[in-house]
Structures are given as C-alpha cells and as structure tokens.
C-alpha cells in the first residue's frame, strides 16, 4: 500500500502548502508514490487515518494545542513544514507582548472573545520527526525530503551558515553594501536566494547549529547597528524561546 499522507495548516499564511502545490510537474510523481488523504487546500475528503503528517503553521491557541496532539497521535511520522512550524516564525513577534495587550492591539474591545497564547513551534508541543525550515520552504529541499522518506532514509539539511552558499555563488557580501545580514548564523539550504537577489538574509531558516552569536553581534555593531537594532534583527523570525515552552507559553 502507498503511504497515506495528510497535510495540515495552523497559524500561517499557508505559503508552504502553496510551495508544495507549485512543484507542479513533480506532483504527479509524488502522487504515484503516496496517497494524499487529507489536505484542506486541495480536496474536500478528510480522514483520521494517515502515516505521514506534513504540518505548516505555529501553535497559537489552546485549540491548536489540542488539535496538534490529535494529529501527532494519528501519525506515524510528523514533519514540520516551514518557519512557522519550525521556529514559530513571524507569528512569535507577538511573544514580545502580554497576550491581553496583543488582543487589544489586534481586536480592540472585542479582544476578550478571542483565544490566544504565545506562538510556539510544533516541537514545543509534540514530538517532531523532522523539520524543513524556510519562509516558504524550498521546493528542491521538499522534493528531496519526500524522496528520502519514501526510501526509508533520514532526511538531512545543511548544518553550515548561509554565508557558505553566498561565497560559493560569488556574491558580494551584503555588509560591504552597507546592509545588515543574518547569514553568518542562519542555516543554509536556500541557495542564498535573498543575498543573491540583492536583499539581506533575515534568518527565516533558523539558527545554524551552535551559532556564534557574540561574533555576529560584534560584526553588526561594527557596521553601525545599535543594541536595539541588533535585537530587532536577531528576533524577526526567532522570538520563541525554550523557556516559553517550559512554562506553557
């Protein structure tokens, strides 16, 4: 029997699910190898029986907590797709504030009627077998992930920083252009797409293993960024902390 795959979305723009759909030509090959049994964006049928759960989005309500635990209980394997599922992504920007303040800002006088908690990545609530980072996920990485899973291999992602990919592509360092960049401490695998196109890396793929934050902070200061600027850049995509997870935040 083909592996049964279900795709779920939590708090997110659902861009990672769209990135999967944009595989287009390769989707037919994927469908020959697996059976998609649940995916709200593309089908009306749903089931509670599946082997692999592909999940995008962060956990940001009490209902989300209950739902992701149910998904985990039904899945032999759970894969976190994209920054929101991997690190809580941009959604965790709200973690800088009290939740009552957040509700007041977003909903005004109706805020009391809405359920919200500090945004968390999936691994802060349930066991995650593998996480595919990025905002959105990279098509090539996703296809490699599917292939590895179908072959029974453990998927892997780079453990070196984006700077390595920049140098391999011959890019001029964005610091030399008067810009800031999180590439020295951000996990590679995106083919340095942002610096290559003239933008700076803002850390959407999360930190590389054992990042040298102190050295990078010195580099940012050297290029004229204040402590407030540095913290703002460091936490665009990485506001969730394990301390929040330990205290139910």
C-alpha atoms as a PDB file:
ATOM      1  CA  UNK A   1       0.000   0.000   0.000  1.00  0.00           C
ATOM      2  CA  UNK A   2       1.095   3.563  -0.656  1.00  0.00           C
ATOM      3  CA  UNK A   3       1.962   5.678   2.402  1.00  0.00           C
ATOM      4  CA  UNK A   4      -1.045   7.780   3.379  1.00  0.00           C
ATOM      5  CA  UNK A   5      -0.160  11.465   3.678  1.00  0.00           C
ATOM      6  CA  UNK A   6      -2.126  14.272   5.303  1.00  0.00           C
ATOM      7  CA  UNK A   7      -1.314  17.988   5.118  1.00  0.00           C
ATOM      8  CA  UNK A   8      -2.424  20.348   7.898  1.00  0.00           C
ATOM      9  CA  UNK A   9      -2.202  24.114   8.447  1.00  0.00           C
ATOM     10  CA  UNK A  10      -2.100  26.052  11.700  1.00  0.00           C
ATOM     11  CA  UNK A  11      -1.355  29.769  12.214  1.00  0.00           C
ATOM     12  CA  UNK A  12       0.415  30.767   8.992  1.00  0.00           C
ATOM     13  CA  UNK A  13      -0.079  32.316   5.573  1.00  0.00           C
ATOM     14  CA  UNK A  14      -0.205  28.762   4.167  1.00  0.00           C
ATOM     15  CA  UNK A  15       2.616  29.684   1.806  1.00  0.00           C
ATOM     16  CA  UNK A  16       4.453  26.422   2.475  1.00  0.00           C
ATOM     17  CA  UNK A  17       1.427  24.425   1.362  1.00  0.00           C
ATOM     18  CA  UNK A  18       1.319  26.539  -1.785  1.00  0.00           C
ATOM     19  CA  UNK A  19       5.042  25.884  -2.295  1.00  0.00           C
ATOM     20  CA  UNK A  20       4.237  22.163  -2.361  1.00  0.00           C
ATOM     21  CA  UNK A  21       1.500  22.752  -4.945  1.00  0.00           C
ATOM     22  CA  UNK A  22       3.957  24.741  -7.039  1.00  0.00           C
ATOM     23  CA  UNK A  23       6.057  21.609  -7.512  1.00  0.00           C
ATOM     24  CA  UNK A  24       3.617  21.080 -10.427  1.00  0.00           C
ATOM     25  CA  UNK A  25       5.456  18.667 -12.769  1.00  0.00           C
ATOM     26  CA  UNK A  26       6.834  16.672  -9.839  1.00  0.00           C
ATOM     27  CA  UNK A  27       3.439  16.355  -8.118  1.00  0.00           C
ATOM     28  CA  UNK A  28       2.352  13.585 -10.471  1.00  0.00           C
ATOM     29  CA  UNK A  29       5.390  11.539  -9.493  1.00  0.00           C
ATOM     30  CA  UNK A  30       4.634  12.192  -5.815  1.00  0.00           C
ATOM     31  CA  UNK A  31       1.030  11.069  -6.264  1.00  0.00           C
ATOM     32  CA  UNK A  32       2.194   7.848  -7.866  1.00  0.00           C
ATOM     33  CA  UNK A  33       4.196   7.088  -4.725  1.00  0.00           C
ATOM     34  CA  UNK A  34       1.840   8.297  -1.949  1.00  0.00           C
ATOM     35  CA  UNK A  35      -1.875   8.707  -1.320  1.00  0.00           C
ATOM     36  CA  UNK A  36      -2.970  12.186  -0.176  1.00  0.00           C
ATOM     37  CA  UNK A  37      -5.896  11.590   2.177  1.00  0.00           C
ATOM     38  CA  UNK A  38      -6.369  14.994   3.839  1.00  0.00           C
ATOM     39  CA  UNK A  39      -5.449  18.474   2.590  1.00  0.00           C
ATOM     40  CA  UNK A  40      -7.929  21.292   3.088  1.00  0.00           C
ATOM     41  CA  UNK A  41      -6.422  23.492   0.365  1.00  0.00           C
ATOM     42  CA  UNK A  42      -6.884  20.961  -2.429  1.00  0.00           C
ATOM     43  CA  UNK A  43      -9.557  18.398  -1.500  1.00  0.00           C
ATOM     44  CA  UNK A  44     -12.805  18.023   0.409  1.00  0.00           C
ATOM     45  CA  UNK A  45     -12.250  14.444   1.601  1.00  0.00           C
ATOM     46  CA  UNK A  46     -10.752  14.003   5.071  1.00  0.00           C
ATOM     47  CA  UNK A  47      -9.681  11.058   7.194  1.00  0.00           C
ATOM     48  CA  UNK A  48      -8.154  10.367  10.591  1.00  0.00           C
ATOM     49  CA  UNK A  49      -6.009   7.554   9.227  1.00  0.00           C
ATOM     50  CA  UNK A  50      -2.635   8.531   7.783  1.00  0.00           C
ATOM     51  CA  UNK A  51       1.023   7.542   8.009  1.00  0.00           C
ATOM     52  CA  UNK A  52       2.756  10.885   7.482  1.00  0.00           C
ATOM     53  CA  UNK A  53       1.508  14.300   8.632  1.00  0.00           C
ATOM     54  CA  UNK A  54       3.003  17.356   6.941  1.00  0.00           C
ATOM     55  CA  UNK A  55       2.191  20.342   9.136  1.00  0.00           C
ATOM     56  CA  UNK A  56       2.681  24.055   8.491  1.00  0.00           C
ATOM     57  CA  UNK A  57       1.996  26.889  10.907  1.00  0.00           C
ATOM     58  CA  UNK A  58       2.678  27.712  14.547  1.00  0.00           C
ATOM     59  CA  UNK A  59       0.642  26.799  17.612  1.00  0.00           C
ATOM     60  CA  UNK A  60      -1.035  29.966  18.869  1.00  0.00           C
ATOM     61  CA  UNK A  61      -4.311  28.969  20.559  1.00  0.00           C
ATOM     62  CA  UNK A  62      -5.414  26.411  23.121  1.00  0.00           C
ATOM     63  CA  UNK A  63      -7.458  24.747  20.376  1.00  0.00           C
ATOM     64  CA  UNK A  64      -4.278  24.457  18.298  1.00  0.00           C
ATOM     65  CA  UNK A  65      -2.606  22.587  21.157  1.00  0.00           C
ATOM     66  CA  UNK A  66      -5.433  20.057  21.318  1.00  0.00           C
ATOM     67  CA  UNK A  67      -5.538  19.630  17.537  1.00  0.00           C
ATOM     68  CA  UNK A  68      -1.796  19.117  17.004  1.00  0.00           C
ATOM     69  CA  UNK A  69      -1.754  16.485  19.758  1.00  0.00           C
ATOM     70  CA  UNK A  70      -4.560  14.630  17.973  1.00  0.00           C
ATOM     71  CA  UNK A  71      -2.629  14.796  14.700  1.00  0.00           C
ATOM     72  CA  UNK A  72       0.503  13.511  16.422  1.00  0.00           C
ATOM     73  CA  UNK A  73      -1.427  10.598  17.930  1.00  0.00           C
ATOM     74  CA  UNK A  74      -2.681   9.586  14.483  1.00  0.00           C
ATOM     75  CA  UNK A  75       0.592   9.968  12.577  1.00  0.00           C
ATOM     76  CA  UNK A  76       3.470   7.519  12.449  1.00  0.00           C
ATOM     77  CA  UNK A  77       5.646  10.454  11.323  1.00  0.00           C
ATOM     78  CA  UNK A  78       5.174  14.199  11.710  1.00  0.00           C
ATOM     79  CA  UNK A  79       7.111  16.719   9.614  1.00  0.00           C
ATOM     80  CA  UNK A  80       7.136  20.452  10.385  1.00  0.00           C
ATOM     81  CA  UNK A  81       6.978  22.479   7.158  1.00  0.00           C
ATOM     82  CA  UNK A  82       8.430  25.974   7.135  1.00  0.00           C
ATOM     83  CA  UNK A  83       9.458  28.653   9.594  1.00  0.00           C
ATOM     84  CA  UNK A  84       6.138  28.942  11.441  1.00  0.00           C
ATOM     85  CA  UNK A  85       6.108  25.233  12.267  1.00  0.00           C
ATOM     86  CA  UNK A  86       9.883  25.091  12.773  1.00  0.00           C
ATOM     87  CA  UNK A  87      10.579  28.173  14.949  1.00  0.00           C
ATOM     88  CA  UNK A  88       7.106  29.777  15.319  1.00  0.00           C
ATOM     89  CA  UNK A  89       8.201  32.217  12.597  1.00  0.00           C
ATOM     90  CA  UNK A  90       6.869  35.728  12.309  1.00  0.00           C
ATOM     91  CA  UNK A  91       3.873  34.760  14.449  1.00  0.00           C
ATOM     92  CA  UNK A  92       6.131  34.752  17.503  1.00  0.00           C
ATOM     93  CA  UNK A  93       6.631  38.515  17.188  1.00  0.00           C
ATOM     94  CA  UNK A  94       3.595  38.765  19.442  1.00  0.00           C
ATOM     95  CA  UNK A  95       5.535  36.944  22.172  1.00  0.00           C
ATOM     96  CA  UNK A  96       7.240  40.253  22.958  1.00  0.00           C
ATOM     97  CA  UNK A  97       3.964  41.457  24.452  1.00  0.00           C
ATOM     98  CA  UNK A  98       1.448  40.284  27.010  1.00  0.00           C
ATOM     99  CA  UNK A  99      -1.381  38.320  25.411  1.00  0.00           C
ATOM    100  CA  UNK A 100      -4.033  40.730  26.702  1.00  0.00           C
ATOM    101  CA  UNK A 101      -2.114  43.585  25.089  1.00  0.00           C
ATOM    102  CA  UNK A 102      -1.881  41.631  21.849  1.00  0.00           C
ATOM    103  CA  UNK A 103      -5.639  41.050  21.807  1.00  0.00           C
ATOM    104  CA  UNK A 104      -6.290  44.727  22.496  1.00  0.00           C
ATOM    105  CA  UNK A 105      -3.994  45.768  19.627  1.00  0.00           C
ATOM    106  CA  UNK A 106      -5.500  43.331  17.117  1.00  0.00           C
ATOM    107  CA  UNK A 107      -9.144  43.075  18.146  1.00  0.00           C
ATOM    108  CA  UNK A 108      -9.763  46.176  20.248  1.00  0.00           C
ATOM    109  CA  UNK A 109     -12.724  45.949  22.613  1.00  0.00           C
ATOM    110  CA  UNK A 110     -13.630  42.506  21.229  1.00  0.00           C
ATOM    111  CA  UNK A 111     -10.267  41.027  22.254  1.00  0.00           C
ATOM    112  CA  UNK A 112     -11.638  39.194  25.283  1.00  0.00           C
ATOM    113  CA  UNK A 113     -13.604  36.901  22.971  1.00  0.00           C
ATOM    114  CA  UNK A 114     -10.517  35.525  21.219  1.00  0.00           C
ATOM    115  CA  UNK A 115      -8.289  32.665  22.342  1.00  0.00           C
ATOM    116  CA  UNK A 116      -4.559  33.335  22.003  1.00  0.00           C
ATOM    117  CA  UNK A 117      -1.331  32.108  23.603  1.00  0.00           C
ATOM    118  CA  UNK A 118       2.332  32.877  22.851  1.00  0.00           C
ATOM    119  CA  UNK A 119       3.128  31.368  19.444  1.00  0.00           C
ATOM    120  CA  UNK A 120       5.082  28.128  19.604  1.00  0.00           C
ATOM    121  CA  UNK A 121       6.755  25.857  17.065  1.00  0.00           C
ATOM    122  CA  UNK A 122       5.395  22.327  16.784  1.00  0.00           C
ATOM    123  CA  UNK A 123       8.278  20.767  18.707  1.00  0.00           C
ATOM    124  CA  UNK A 124       7.337  22.798  21.785  1.00  0.00           C
ATOM    125  CA  UNK A 125       4.060  20.880  21.992  1.00  0.00           C
ATOM    126  CA  UNK A 126       4.583  17.463  20.358  1.00  0.00           C
ATOM    127  CA  UNK A 127       7.429  15.294  19.109  1.00  0.00           C
ATOM    128  CA  UNK A 128       8.508  16.246  15.597  1.00  0.00           C
ATOM    129  CA  UNK A 129      10.345  13.701  13.473  1.00  0.00           C
ATOM    130  CA  UNK A 130      11.812  16.216  11.038  1.00  0.00           C
ATOM    131  CA  UNK A 131      11.608  19.945  10.342  1.00  0.00           C
ATOM    132  CA  UNK A 132      12.018  21.571   6.938  1.00  0.00           C
ATOM    133  CA  UNK A 133      12.883  25.260   7.536  1.00  0.00           C
ATOM    134  CA  UNK A 134      12.333  28.338   5.403  1.00  0.00           C
ATOM    135  CA  UNK A 135       9.740  31.003   4.625  1.00  0.00           C
ATOM    136  CA  UNK A 136       8.466  29.465   2.479  1.00  0.00           C
ATOM    137  CA  UNK A 137      10.057  26.016   2.214  1.00  0.00           C
ATOM    138  CA  UNK A 138      12.409  25.393  -0.692  1.00  0.00           C
ATOM    139  CA  UNK A 139      10.975  23.253  -3.487  1.00  0.00           C
ATOM    140  CA  UNK A 140      14.185  21.287  -4.060  1.00  0.00           C
ATOM    141  CA  UNK A 141      14.531  20.560  -0.354  1.00  0.00           C
ATOM    142  CA  UNK A 142      10.923  19.406  -0.142  1.00  0.00           C
ATOM    143  CA  UNK A 143      11.276  17.019  -3.071  1.00  0.00           C
ATOM    144  CA  UNK A 144      14.465  15.633  -1.532  1.00  0.00           C
ATOM    145  CA  UNK A 145      12.607  15.173   1.764  1.00  0.00           C
ATOM    146  CA  UNK A 146       9.827  13.196   0.068  1.00  0.00           C
ATOM    147  CA  UNK A 147      12.333  11.016  -1.754  1.00  0.00           C
ATOM    148  CA  UNK A 148      14.291  10.293   1.426  1.00  0.00           C
ATOM    149  CA  UNK A 149      11.149   9.420   3.388  1.00  0.00           C
ATOM    150  CA  UNK A 150       9.922   7.055   0.675  1.00  0.00           C
ATOM    151  CA  UNK A 151      13.340   5.354   0.603  1.00  0.00           C
ATOM    152  CA  UNK A 152      13.369   4.994   4.382  1.00  0.00           C
ATOM    153  CA  UNK A 153      16.280   7.404   4.748  1.00  0.00           C
ATOM    154  CA  UNK A 154      16.649  10.070   7.417  1.00  0.00           C
ATOM    155  CA  UNK A 155      16.377  13.456   5.666  1.00  0.00           C
ATOM    156  CA  UNK A 156      19.132  15.975   6.292  1.00  0.00           C
ATOM    157  CA  UNK A 157      19.559  19.706   5.949  1.00  0.00           C
ATOM    158  CA  UNK A 158      22.776  21.762   5.915  1.00  0.00           C
ATOM    159  CA  UNK A 159      24.484  22.475   9.237  1.00  0.00           C
ATOM    160  CA  UNK A 160      26.539  25.377   7.866  1.00  0.00           C
ATOM    161  CA  UNK A 161      25.542  29.063   7.511  1.00  0.00           C
ATOM    162  CA  UNK A 162      24.120  30.908   4.524  1.00  0.00           C
ATOM    163  CA  UNK A 163      27.488  32.684   4.131  1.00  0.00           C
ATOM    164  CA  UNK A 164      28.920  29.466   2.690  1.00  0.00           C
ATOM    165  CA  UNK A 165      26.351  29.447  -0.101  1.00  0.00           C
ATOM    166  CA  UNK A 166      26.945  33.159  -0.745  1.00  0.00           C
ATOM    167  CA  UNK A 167      30.666  32.582  -1.200  1.00  0.00           C
ATOM    168  CA  UNK A 168      30.065  29.591  -3.477  1.00  0.00           C
ATOM    169  CA  UNK A 169      27.885  31.795  -5.688  1.00  0.00           C
ATOM    170  CA  UNK A 170      30.481  34.575  -5.740  1.00  0.00           C
ATOM    171  CA  UNK A 171      28.162  37.123  -4.137  1.00  0.00           C
ATOM    172  CA  UNK A 172      29.464  40.418  -2.801  1.00  0.00           C
ATOM    173  CA  UNK A 173      28.900  40.389   0.957  1.00  0.00           C
ATOM    174  CA  UNK A 174      25.858  42.497   1.764  1.00  0.00           C
ATOM    175  CA  UNK A 175      27.775  44.017   4.687  1.00  0.00           C
ATOM    176  CA  UNK A 176      30.060  45.565   2.067  1.00  0.00           C
ATOM    177  CA  UNK A 177      26.950  47.122   0.528  1.00  0.00           C
ATOM    178  CA  UNK A 178      26.106  48.881   3.774  1.00  0.00           C
ATOM    179  CA  UNK A 179      23.365  46.405   4.710  1.00  0.00           C
ATOM    180  CA  UNK A 180      22.892  44.092   7.689  1.00  0.00           C
ATOM    181  CA  UNK A 181      22.652  40.322   7.302  1.00  0.00           C
ATOM    182  CA  UNK A 182      21.840  37.300   9.458  1.00  0.00           C
ATOM    183  CA  UNK A 183      23.628  34.937   7.073  1.00  0.00           C
ATOM    184  CA  UNK A 184      26.597  34.235   9.407  1.00  0.00           C
ATOM    185  CA  UNK A 185      24.328  32.470  11.927  1.00  0.00           C
ATOM    186  CA  UNK A 186      21.413  31.292   9.744  1.00  0.00           C
ATOM    187  CA  UNK A 187      21.135  27.717   8.474  1.00  0.00           C
ATOM    188  CA  UNK A 188      21.885  27.320   4.777  1.00  0.00           C
ATOM    189  CA  UNK A 189      19.844  25.341   2.272  1.00  0.00           C
ATOM    190  CA  UNK A 190      18.066  28.194   0.487  1.00  0.00           C
ATOM    191  CA  UNK A 191      20.891  28.662  -2.045  1.00  0.00           C
ATOM    192  CA  UNK A 192      21.389  32.134  -0.534  1.00  0.00           C
ATOM    193  CA  UNK A 193      18.380  33.323  -2.511  1.00  0.00           C
ATOM    194  CA  UNK A 194      17.923  36.654  -0.694  1.00  0.00           C
ATOM    195  CA  UNK A 195      21.536  37.933  -0.830  1.00  0.00           C
ATOM    196  CA  UNK A 196      21.833  36.677  -4.408  1.00  0.00           C
ATOM    197  CA  UNK A 197      18.881  38.868  -5.386  1.00  0.00           C
ATOM    198  CA  UNK A 198      20.199  41.925  -3.578  1.00  0.00           C
ATOM    199  CA  UNK A 199      18.416  41.546  -0.253  1.00  0.00           C
ATOM    200  CA  UNK A 200      19.800  40.566   3.143  1.00  0.00           C
ATOM    201  CA  UNK A 201      19.244  37.296   4.972  1.00  0.00           C
ATOM    202  CA  UNK A 202      16.798  37.816   7.866  1.00  0.00           C
ATOM    203  CA  UNK A 203      17.125  34.368   9.422  1.00  0.00           C
ATOM    204  CA  UNK A 204      13.921  32.660   8.267  1.00  0.00           C
ATOM    205  CA  UNK A 205      15.571  29.226   8.322  1.00  0.00           C
ATOM    206  CA  UNK A 206      16.514  29.458  11.998  1.00  0.00           C
ATOM    207  CA  UNK A 207      19.946  29.362  13.527  1.00  0.00           C
ATOM    208  CA  UNK A 208      22.706  27.063  12.381  1.00  0.00           C
ATOM    209  CA  UNK A 209      23.895  24.527  14.952  1.00  0.00           C
ATOM    210  CA  UNK A 210      25.974  26.285  17.626  1.00  0.00           C
ATOM    211  CA  UNK A 211      25.823  29.780  16.068  1.00  0.00           C
ATOM    212  CA  UNK A 212      28.495  32.264  17.098  1.00  0.00           C
ATOM    213  CA  UNK A 213      26.068  34.988  18.191  1.00  0.00           C
ATOM    214  CA  UNK A 214      28.688  37.048  20.016  1.00  0.00           C
ATOM    215  CA  UNK A 215      30.922  37.283  16.963  1.00  0.00           C
ATOM    216  CA  UNK A 216      27.980  38.177  14.757  1.00  0.00           C
ATOM    217  CA  UNK A 217      26.806  40.823  17.225  1.00  0.00           C
ATOM    218  CA  UNK A 218      30.276  42.391  17.057  1.00  0.00           C
ATOM    219  CA  UNK A 219      30.047  42.434  13.266  1.00  0.00           C
ATOM    220  CA  UNK A 220      26.662  44.164  13.383  1.00  0.00           C
ATOM    221  CA  UNK A 221      27.955  46.731  15.867  1.00  0.00           C
ATOM    222  CA  UNK A 222      30.984  47.332  13.663  1.00  0.00           C
ATOM    223  CA  UNK A 223      28.620  48.263  10.850  1.00  0.00           C
ATOM    224  CA  UNK A 224      26.784  50.813  12.946  1.00  0.00           C
ATOM    225  CA  UNK A 225      23.804  48.939  14.362  1.00  0.00           C
ATOM    226  CA  UNK A 226      22.664  49.873  17.873  1.00  0.00           C
ATOM    227  CA  UNK A 227      21.787  47.222  20.503  1.00  0.00           C
ATOM    228  CA  UNK A 228      18.081  47.807  19.784  1.00  0.00           C
ATOM    229  CA  UNK A 229      18.683  47.383  16.052  1.00  0.00           C
ATOM    230  CA  UNK A 230      20.616  44.180  16.696  1.00  0.00           C
ATOM    231  CA  UNK A 231      17.869  42.635  18.831  1.00  0.00           C
ATOM    232  CA  UNK A 232      15.232  43.625  16.278  1.00  0.00           C
ATOM    233  CA  UNK A 233      17.127  41.827  13.525  1.00  0.00           C
ATOM    234  CA  UNK A 234      18.007  38.808  15.668  1.00  0.00           C
ATOM    235  CA  UNK A 235      14.382  38.180  16.542  1.00  0.00           C
ATOM    236  CA  UNK A 236      12.457  38.777  13.335  1.00  0.00           C
ATOM    237  CA  UNK A 237      11.977  35.025  12.905  1.00  0.00           C
ATOM    238  CA  UNK A 238      13.256  33.679  16.214  1.00  0.00           C
ATOM    239  CA  UNK A 239      11.187  35.115  19.055  1.00  0.00           C
ATOM    240  CA  UNK A 240      10.156  31.809  20.585  1.00  0.00           C
ATOM    241  CA  UNK A 241      12.374  30.532  23.402  1.00  0.00           C
ATOM    242  CA  UNK A 242      12.553  27.153  25.084  1.00  0.00           C
ATOM    243  CA  UNK A 243      11.808  28.937  28.363  1.00  0.00           C
ATOM    244  CA  UNK A 244       8.399  29.873  26.968  1.00  0.00           C
ATOM    245  CA  UNK A 245       7.803  26.248  26.039  1.00  0.00           C
ATOM    246  CA  UNK A 246       8.794  25.036  29.506  1.00  0.00           C
ATOM    247  CA  UNK A 247       6.246  27.379  31.087  1.00  0.00           C
ATOM    248  CA  UNK A 248       3.447  26.605  28.683  1.00  0.00           C
ATOM    249  CA  UNK A 249       3.985  29.810  26.686  1.00  0.00           C
END
